[in-house]
C-alpha atoms as a PDB file:
ATOM      1  CA  MET A   1       3.572   9.113 -15.139  1.00  0.00           C
ATOM      2  CA  ARG A   2       4.611  10.151 -11.737  1.00  0.00           C
ATOM      3  CA  PHE A   3       7.824   9.983  -9.753  1.00  0.00           C
ATOM      4  CA  TRP A   4       7.231   7.820  -6.566  1.00  0.00           C
ATOM      5  CA  ASP A   5       9.215   8.438  -3.412  1.00  0.00           C
ATOM      6  CA  SER A   6       9.703   5.396  -1.383  1.00  0.00           C
ATOM      7  CA  SER A   7       7.612   7.022   1.562  1.00  0.00           C
ATOM      8  CA  ALA A   8       4.706   6.932  -0.791  1.00  0.00           C
ATOM      9  CA  LEU A   9       5.265   3.354  -1.939  1.00  0.00           C
ATOM     10  CA  VAL A  10       5.525   1.689   1.572  1.00  0.00           C
ATOM     11  CA  PRO A  11       1.736   2.318   2.270  1.00  0.00           C
ATOM     12  CA  LEU A  12       1.040   0.291  -0.744  1.00  0.00           C
ATOM     13  CA  LEU A  13       3.073  -2.598   0.712  1.00  0.00           C
ATOM     14  CA  VAL A  14       1.752  -2.356   4.402  1.00  0.00           C
ATOM     15  CA  GLU A  15      -1.327  -1.123   5.878  1.00  0.00           C
ATOM     16  CA  GLU A  16      -1.198   2.582   6.841  1.00  0.00           C
ATOM     17  CA  GLU A  17      -3.584   5.455   6.970  1.00  0.00           C
ATOM     18  CA  GLU A  18      -2.655   6.588   3.546  1.00  0.00           C
ATOM     19  CA  THR A  19      -2.986   3.223   1.831  1.00  0.00           C
ATOM     20  CA  ILE A  20      -6.226   3.678   0.051  1.00  0.00           C
ATOM     21  CA  PRO A  21      -5.928   7.113  -1.536  1.00  0.00           C
ATOM     22  CA  LEU A  22      -2.183   6.103  -2.349  1.00  0.00           C
ATOM     23  CA  ARG A  23      -3.364   2.864  -4.003  1.00  0.00           C
ATOM     24  CA  ASP A  24      -6.173   4.770  -5.749  1.00  0.00           C
ATOM     25  CA  LEU A  25      -3.576   7.229  -7.142  1.00  0.00           C
ATOM     26  CA  TYR A  26      -0.942   4.557  -8.073  1.00  0.00           C
ATOM     27  CA  LEU A  27      -3.594   2.515  -9.958  1.00  0.00           C
ATOM     28  CA  GLY A  28      -4.489   5.697 -12.105  1.00  0.00           C
ATOM     29  CA  ASP A  29      -0.611   5.918 -12.884  1.00  0.00           C
ATOM     30  CA  PRO A  30       0.223   4.593 -16.330  1.00  0.00           C
ATOM     31  CA  GLY A  31       3.907   4.067 -15.193  1.00  0.00           C
ATOM     32  CA  ALA A  32       5.485   4.798 -11.851  1.00  0.00           C
ATOM     33  CA  ILE A  33       8.919   6.300 -11.940  1.00  0.00           C
ATOM     34  CA  THR A  34      11.320   5.374  -8.969  1.00  0.00           C
ATOM     35  CA  TRP A  35      15.115   5.668  -8.427  1.00  0.00           C
ATOM     36  CA  TRP A  36      17.288   2.647  -8.334  1.00  0.00           C
ATOM     37  CA  GLY A  37      17.461   2.572  -4.560  1.00  0.00           C
ATOM     38  CA  THR A  38      13.710   2.383  -3.958  1.00  0.00           C
ATOM     39  CA  PRO A  39      13.518  -1.411  -3.632  1.00  0.00           C
ATOM     40  CA  VAL A  40      16.369  -1.203  -0.670  1.00  0.00           C
ATOM     41  CA  GLU A  41      14.581   1.683   0.969  1.00  0.00           C
ATOM     42  CA  CYS A  42      11.173  -0.142   0.884  1.00  0.00           C
ATOM     43  CA  VAL A  43      12.848  -3.227   2.341  1.00  0.00           C
ATOM     44  CA  SER A  44      14.459  -1.189   5.065  1.00  0.00           C
ATOM     45  CA  ALA A  45      10.994   0.402   6.089  1.00  0.00           C
ATOM     46  CA  ILE A  46       9.247  -2.968   6.242  1.00  0.00           C
ATOM     47  CA  SER A  47      12.210  -4.725   8.035  1.00  0.00           C
ATOM     48  CA  ARG A  48      12.223  -1.809  10.696  1.00  0.00           C
ATOM     49  CA  ARG A  49       8.484  -2.259  11.114  1.00  0.00           C
ATOM     50  CA  GLU A  50       9.117  -6.088  11.703  1.00  0.00           C
ATOM     51  CA  ARG A  51      11.971  -5.515  14.269  1.00  0.00           C
ATOM     52  CA  GLU A  52       9.861  -2.913  16.205  1.00  0.00           C
ATOM     53  CA  GLY A  53       7.023  -5.429  16.287  1.00  0.00           C
ATOM     54  CA  THR A  54       4.472  -3.471  14.372  1.00  0.00           C
ATOM     55  CA  LEU A  55       4.556  -6.125  11.589  1.00  0.00           C
ATOM     56  CA  SER A  56       4.472  -9.803  11.921  1.00  0.00           C
ATOM     57  CA  LEU A  57       6.757 -12.005   9.989  1.00  0.00           C
ATOM     58  CA  GLU A  58       3.867 -13.157   7.589  1.00  0.00           C
ATOM     59  CA  ALA A  59       2.873  -9.549   7.170  1.00  0.00           C
ATOM     60  CA  ALA A  60       6.548  -8.560   6.378  1.00  0.00           C
ATOM     61  CA  THR A  61       6.829 -11.591   3.993  1.00  0.00           C
ATOM     62  CA  ARG A  62       3.617 -10.488   2.078  1.00  0.00           C
ATOM     63  CA  ALA A  63       4.870  -6.951   1.878  1.00  0.00           C
ATOM     64  CA  LEU A  64       8.139  -7.996   0.325  1.00  0.00           C
ATOM     65  CA  GLU A  65       6.298 -10.197  -2.249  1.00  0.00           C
ATOM     66  CA  ARG A  66       3.962  -7.189  -3.248  1.00  0.00           C
ATOM     67  CA  LEU A  67       7.383  -5.025  -3.407  1.00  0.00           C
ATOM     68  CA  ASP A  68       8.706  -7.443  -5.834  1.00  0.00           C
ATOM     69  CA  ALA A  69       5.481  -7.689  -7.909  1.00  0.00           C
ATOM     70  CA  LEU A  70       5.288  -3.799  -8.183  1.00  0.00           C
ATOM     71  CA  ALA A  71       8.880  -3.223  -8.809  1.00  0.00           C
ATOM     72  CA  LEU A  72       8.703  -5.228 -11.966  1.00  0.00           C
ATOM     73  CA  HIS A  73       6.563  -2.502 -13.517  1.00  0.00           C
ATOM     74  CA  TRP A  74       8.496   0.475 -12.268  1.00  0.00           C
ATOM     75  CA  HIS A  75      10.399   2.880 -14.539  1.00  0.00           C
ATOM     76  CA  ARG A  76      13.629   3.122 -12.782  1.00  0.00           C
ATOM     77  CA  ILE A  77      16.131   5.923 -12.906  1.00  0.00           C
ATOM     78  CA  GLU A  78      19.576   4.465 -12.814  1.00  0.00           C
ATOM     79  CA  PRO A  79      22.660   5.962 -11.151  1.00  0.00           C
ATOM     80  CA  ALA A  80      24.402   8.292 -13.563  1.00  0.00           C
ATOM     81  CA  ASP A  81      26.777  11.205 -13.378  1.00  0.00           C
ATOM     82  CA  ALA A  82      23.791  13.543 -13.979  1.00  0.00           C
ATOM     83  CA  VAL A  83      21.911  12.172 -10.932  1.00  0.00           C
ATOM     84  CA  LEU A  84      24.926  12.311  -8.720  1.00  0.00           C
ATOM     85  CA  GLU A  85      25.822  16.004  -9.756  1.00  0.00           C
ATOM     86  CA  THR A  86      22.402  16.965  -9.135  1.00  0.00           C
ATOM     87  CA  ALA A  87      22.068  15.218  -5.839  1.00  0.00           C
ATOM     88  CA  ARG A  88      25.264  16.970  -4.684  1.00  0.00           C
ATOM     89  CA  ARG A  89      23.687  20.454  -5.718  1.00  0.00           C
ATOM     90  CA  PHE A  90      20.363  19.489  -3.864  1.00  0.00           C
ATOM     91  CA  LEU A  91      22.348  18.746  -0.646  1.00  0.00           C
ATOM     92  CA  ARG A  92      23.863  22.178  -0.701  1.00  0.00           C
ATOM     93  CA  VAL A  93      20.517  23.906  -1.061  1.00  0.00           C
ATOM     94  CA  HIS A  94      17.979  21.770   0.833  1.00  0.00           C
ATOM     95  CA  PRO A  95      18.105  20.057   4.371  1.00  0.00           C
ATOM     96  CA  LEU A  96      18.102  16.477   2.873  1.00  0.00           C
ATOM     97  CA  ARG A  97      19.593  13.138   3.716  1.00  0.00           C
ATOM     98  CA  ALA A  98      21.744  11.734   1.042  1.00  0.00           C
ATOM     99  CA  ALA A  99      19.232   9.101  -0.124  1.00  0.00           C
ATOM    100  CA  ASP A 100      16.558  11.779  -0.424  1.00  0.00           C
ATOM    101  CA  SER A 101      18.785  13.931  -2.386  1.00  0.00           C
ATOM    102  CA  LEU A 102      19.353  10.939  -4.842  1.00  0.00           C
ATOM    103  CA  GLN A 103      15.648  10.438  -5.146  1.00  0.00           C
ATOM    104  CA  LEU A 104      14.953  14.120  -5.952  1.00  0.00           C
ATOM    105  CA  ALA A 105      17.857  14.228  -8.343  1.00  0.00           C
ATOM    106  CA  ALA A 106      16.562  10.944 -10.238  1.00  0.00           C
ATOM    107  CA  ALA A 107      13.088  12.724 -10.330  1.00  0.00           C
ATOM    108  CA  PHE A 108      14.681  15.936 -11.740  1.00  0.00           C
ATOM    109  CA  LEU A 109      16.354  13.624 -14.372  1.00  0.00           C
ATOM    110  CA  ALA A 110      13.204  12.010 -15.200  1.00  0.00           C
ATOM    111  CA  ALA A 111      11.340  15.497 -15.693  1.00  0.00           C
ATOM    112  CA  GLU A 112      14.313  16.292 -18.098  1.00  0.00           C
ATOM    113  CA  GLY A 113      15.144  19.406 -15.957  1.00  0.00           C
ATOM    114  CA  ARG A 114      11.605  20.559 -16.216  1.00  0.00           C
ATOM    115  CA  PRO A 115      10.084  19.635 -12.686  1.00  0.00           C
ATOM    116  CA  SER A 116       6.761  21.226 -13.338  1.00  0.00           C
ATOM    117  CA  THR A 117       5.936  18.531 -15.762  1.00  0.00           C
ATOM    118  CA  LEU A 118       6.366  15.623 -13.454  1.00  0.00           C
ATOM    119  CA  ASP A 119       4.097  14.897 -10.368  1.00  0.00           C
ATOM    120  CA  PHE A 120       6.194  14.109  -7.286  1.00  0.00           C
ATOM    121  CA  VAL A 121       4.344  11.571  -5.006  1.00  0.00           C
ATOM    122  CA  CYS A 122       5.787  11.633  -1.434  1.00  0.00           C
ATOM    123  CA  LEU A 123       4.876  11.700   2.337  1.00  0.00           C
ATOM    124  CA  ASP A 124       8.348  12.758   3.751  1.00  0.00           C
ATOM    125  CA  ASP A 125       8.082  16.268   5.021  1.00  0.00           C
ATOM    126  CA  ARG A 126      11.871  17.418   4.156  1.00  0.00           C
ATOM    127  CA  LEU A 127      11.658  15.714   0.748  1.00  0.00           C
ATOM    128  CA  MET A 128       8.240  17.227  -0.099  1.00  0.00           C
ATOM    129  CA  ASN A 129       9.513  20.781   0.748  1.00  0.00           C
ATOM    130  CA  ALA A 130      12.636  20.307  -1.392  1.00  0.00           C
ATOM    131  CA  ALA A 131      10.598  18.907  -4.348  1.00  0.00           C
ATOM    132  CA  ARG A 132       8.016  21.822  -4.007  1.00  0.00           C
ATOM    133  CA  ARG A 133      10.869  24.444  -3.917  1.00  0.00           C
ATOM    134  CA  GLU A 134      12.370  22.956  -7.052  1.00  0.00           C
ATOM    135  CA  GLY A 135       8.969  23.221  -8.769  1.00  0.00           C
ATOM    136  CA  PHE A 136       7.562  19.797  -8.785  1.00  0.00           C
ATOM    137  CA  PRO A 137       3.796  19.331  -8.233  1.00  0.00           C
ATOM    138  CA  VAL A 138       3.636  17.307  -5.017  1.00  0.00           C
ATOM    139  CA  ARG A 139       1.062  14.549  -4.491  1.00  0.00           C
ATOM    140  CA  GLY A 140       0.193  12.443  -1.376  1.00  0.00           C
ATOM    141  CA  HIS A 141      -1.877  13.625   1.716  1.00  0.00           C
ATOM    142  CA  LEU A 142       0.920  15.910   2.695  1.00  0.00           C
ATOM    143  CA  ALA A 143       0.046  18.064  -0.480  1.00  0.00           C
ATOM    144  CA  ALA A 144      -3.229  18.510   1.099  1.00  0.00           C
ATOM    145  CA  GLY A 145      -1.808  20.043   4.200  1.00  0.00           C
ATOM    146  CA  HIS A 146      -1.575  17.216   6.534  1.00  0.00           C
ATOM    147  CA  SER A 147       1.648  16.064   8.374  1.00  0.00           C
ATOM    148  CA  SER A 148       3.048  12.594   8.527  1.00  0.00           C
ATOM    149  CA  PRO A 149       6.610  11.276   9.666  1.00  0.00           C
ATOM    150  CA  ALA A 150       8.813   9.961   6.997  1.00  0.00           C
ATOM    151  CA  SER A 151       8.338   6.257   6.271  1.00  0.00           C
ATOM    152  CA  GLU A 152      12.075   5.660   6.259  1.00  0.00           C
END
């Protein structure tokens, strides 16, 4: 099992440079773990691309359908006091946005406080760096030293 950040899931929904390697990684994952806000973040990324004209209405509709199909199989970390407390701490020690701190906190909870035991799949620079500092093994093409803008 791996924790999947929204930035790594969006290429599974819309065609991007990272789509093929991430799809292969996803297909080899016996159970993707996400935080409860992941579907909203994915819809935001898809809708932004549609508004910017880089994604047609038809492609956006197909992406949303793929999102719904994938999300049925995710193990979701629901909001809980432990996630909120951990997210607050992460905001104090890492340069993260609020949603990213919640994602990292959900992964920390999923790893039962032992981040080295759970791969963190991410393409967002800030979140990837914070996850590494917390001890998560980071997957995704950024883990190989490339850089990419955040999907969100």
